[in-house]
């Protein structure tokens, strides 16, 4: 059974930091690229960051570049998103996604991140 379980979300003040985790099981994690998406109320889901299966290449949306860092530990079958200098525009439900080619795509259930004073 494929599972992607996000954790680490919560309420944080502007300027604060959070680290999201995505624990994966039920598939060969090391063969899948990992992505983090987010969806704010009333907005479409958007890609925030990506990392290749080997962890050697990353991508960031312009809105988070320089503030967020995506990483992975293939031994632990876990992906991470370190989020620094958070602001209100980062408030959203964050989803992790594992993808291999375009055929195998798995999603987590999402974790809420709220940035507010």
Protein backbone atom coordinates (compact mmCIF):
# COMPACT_ATOMS: atom_id res chain seq x y z
CA UNK A 1 0.00 0.00 0.00
CA UNK A 2 1.41 3.33 -1.09
CA UNK A 3 1.56 5.96 1.62
CA UNK A 4 2.94 9.48 1.75
CA UNK A 5 2.51 11.05 5.17
CA UNK A 6 3.32 14.72 5.61
CA UNK A 7 4.11 16.24 8.97
CA UNK A 8 5.61 19.40 10.40
CA UNK A 9 2.96 21.91 9.47
CA UNK A 10 1.42 24.34 11.91
CA UNK A 11 1.08 27.96 12.93
CA UNK A 12 4.18 30.15 12.71
CA UNK A 13 4.79 33.87 12.97
CA UNK A 14 5.98 35.89 9.98
CA UNK A 15 9.71 35.47 9.60
CA UNK A 16 9.65 32.07 11.25
CA UNK A 17 10.63 28.65 9.99
CA UNK A 18 9.08 25.23 9.60
CA UNK A 19 10.40 21.92 8.33
CA UNK A 20 7.96 19.66 6.55
CA UNK A 21 8.57 15.93 6.25
CA UNK A 22 7.06 13.40 3.89
CA UNK A 23 7.48 9.79 5.01
CA UNK A 24 6.93 7.37 2.15
CA UNK A 25 6.24 3.67 1.95
CA UNK A 26 4.84 1.09 -0.42
CA UNK A 27 6.99 1.99 -3.42
CA UNK A 28 10.66 2.27 -4.34
CA UNK A 29 11.24 5.78 -3.05
CA UNK A 30 14.73 6.11 -4.51
CA UNK A 31 13.37 5.76 -8.05
CA UNK A 32 10.93 8.64 -7.75
CA UNK A 33 11.36 12.37 -8.04
CA UNK A 34 9.79 14.22 -5.16
CA UNK A 35 7.82 17.43 -5.32
CA UNK A 36 6.17 19.77 -2.89
CA UNK A 37 3.01 21.58 -3.93
CA UNK A 38 0.82 24.00 -2.07
CA UNK A 39 -2.72 25.24 -2.37
CA UNK A 40 -3.94 28.42 -0.76
CA UNK A 41 -7.66 29.13 -0.26
CA UNK A 42 -9.28 30.12 -3.54
CA UNK A 43 -6.14 29.42 -5.54
CA UNK A 44 -4.92 26.62 -7.75
CA UNK A 45 -2.39 24.10 -6.52
CA UNK A 46 1.11 25.24 -7.42
CA UNK A 47 4.48 23.54 -7.57
CA UNK A 48 6.82 24.86 -4.90
CA UNK A 49 9.93 22.71 -5.20
CA UNK A 50 11.22 19.54 -6.84
CA UNK A 51 14.14 17.19 -6.36
CA UNK A 52 15.33 14.38 -8.58
CA UNK A 53 15.39 10.77 -7.45
CA UNK A 54 19.13 10.93 -6.72
CA UNK A 55 18.82 14.31 -5.05
CA UNK A 56 21.31 15.93 -7.40
CA UNK A 57 19.05 18.50 -9.03
CA UNK A 58 16.47 20.80 -7.49
CA UNK A 59 13.93 23.31 -8.71
CA UNK A 60 12.20 26.13 -6.86
CA UNK A 61 9.35 28.41 -7.72
CA UNK A 62 10.44 32.03 -7.89
CA UNK A 63 8.24 32.87 -4.93
CA UNK A 64 10.23 30.61 -2.58
CA UNK A 65 13.70 30.68 -4.09
CA UNK A 66 16.31 31.52 -1.49
CA UNK A 67 13.91 30.80 1.39
CA UNK A 68 12.92 27.15 0.94
CA UNK A 69 15.19 24.12 0.62
CA UNK A 70 14.05 20.72 -0.61
CA UNK A 71 16.00 17.60 0.32
CA UNK A 72 15.58 13.87 0.67
CA UNK A 73 16.99 10.88 2.49
CA UNK A 74 16.60 7.80 0.34
CA UNK A 75 17.66 5.50 3.16
CA UNK A 76 14.85 6.84 5.34
CA UNK A 77 12.43 7.10 2.40
CA UNK A 78 11.62 10.62 3.48
CA UNK A 79 11.52 13.98 1.76
CA UNK A 80 11.85 17.35 3.43
CA UNK A 81 11.01 20.97 2.81
CA UNK A 82 12.82 23.49 4.99
CA UNK A 83 10.93 26.78 4.93
CA UNK A 84 12.55 29.94 6.26
CA UNK A 85 11.52 33.59 6.32
CA UNK A 86 7.89 32.62 6.07
CA UNK A 87 5.29 35.25 5.25
CA UNK A 88 1.51 35.33 5.00
CA UNK A 89 1.61 34.44 1.31
CA UNK A 90 3.09 31.07 2.26
CA UNK A 91 -0.10 30.13 4.09
CA UNK A 92 -1.50 27.06 2.34
CA UNK A 93 -1.98 23.33 2.53
CA UNK A 94 1.30 21.72 1.51
CA UNK A 95 1.31 18.40 -0.33
CA UNK A 96 4.16 16.08 -1.13
CA UNK A 97 4.15 14.19 -4.39
CA UNK A 98 6.24 11.34 -5.70
CA UNK A 99 6.48 10.94 -9.44
CA UNK A 100 8.14 8.46 -11.77
CA UNK A 101 7.78 9.35 -15.43
CA UNK A 102 4.20 10.53 -15.92
CA UNK A 103 2.64 7.21 -15.16
CA UNK A 104 3.28 6.72 -11.47
CA UNK A 105 2.19 9.65 -9.35
CA UNK A 106 1.41 9.50 -5.63
CA UNK A 107 0.14 12.21 -3.30
CA UNK A 108 0.15 12.78 0.40
CA UNK A 109 -2.86 14.00 2.35
CA UNK A 110 -1.49 17.49 2.94
CA UNK A 111 -0.41 19.49 5.95
CA UNK A 112 -1.60 22.97 6.85
CA UNK A 113 0.90 25.80 7.16
CA UNK A 114 -0.43 29.05 8.57
CA UNK A 115 1.75 32.14 8.83
CA UNK A 116 0.20 34.71 11.11
CA UNK A 117 1.02 36.98 14.01
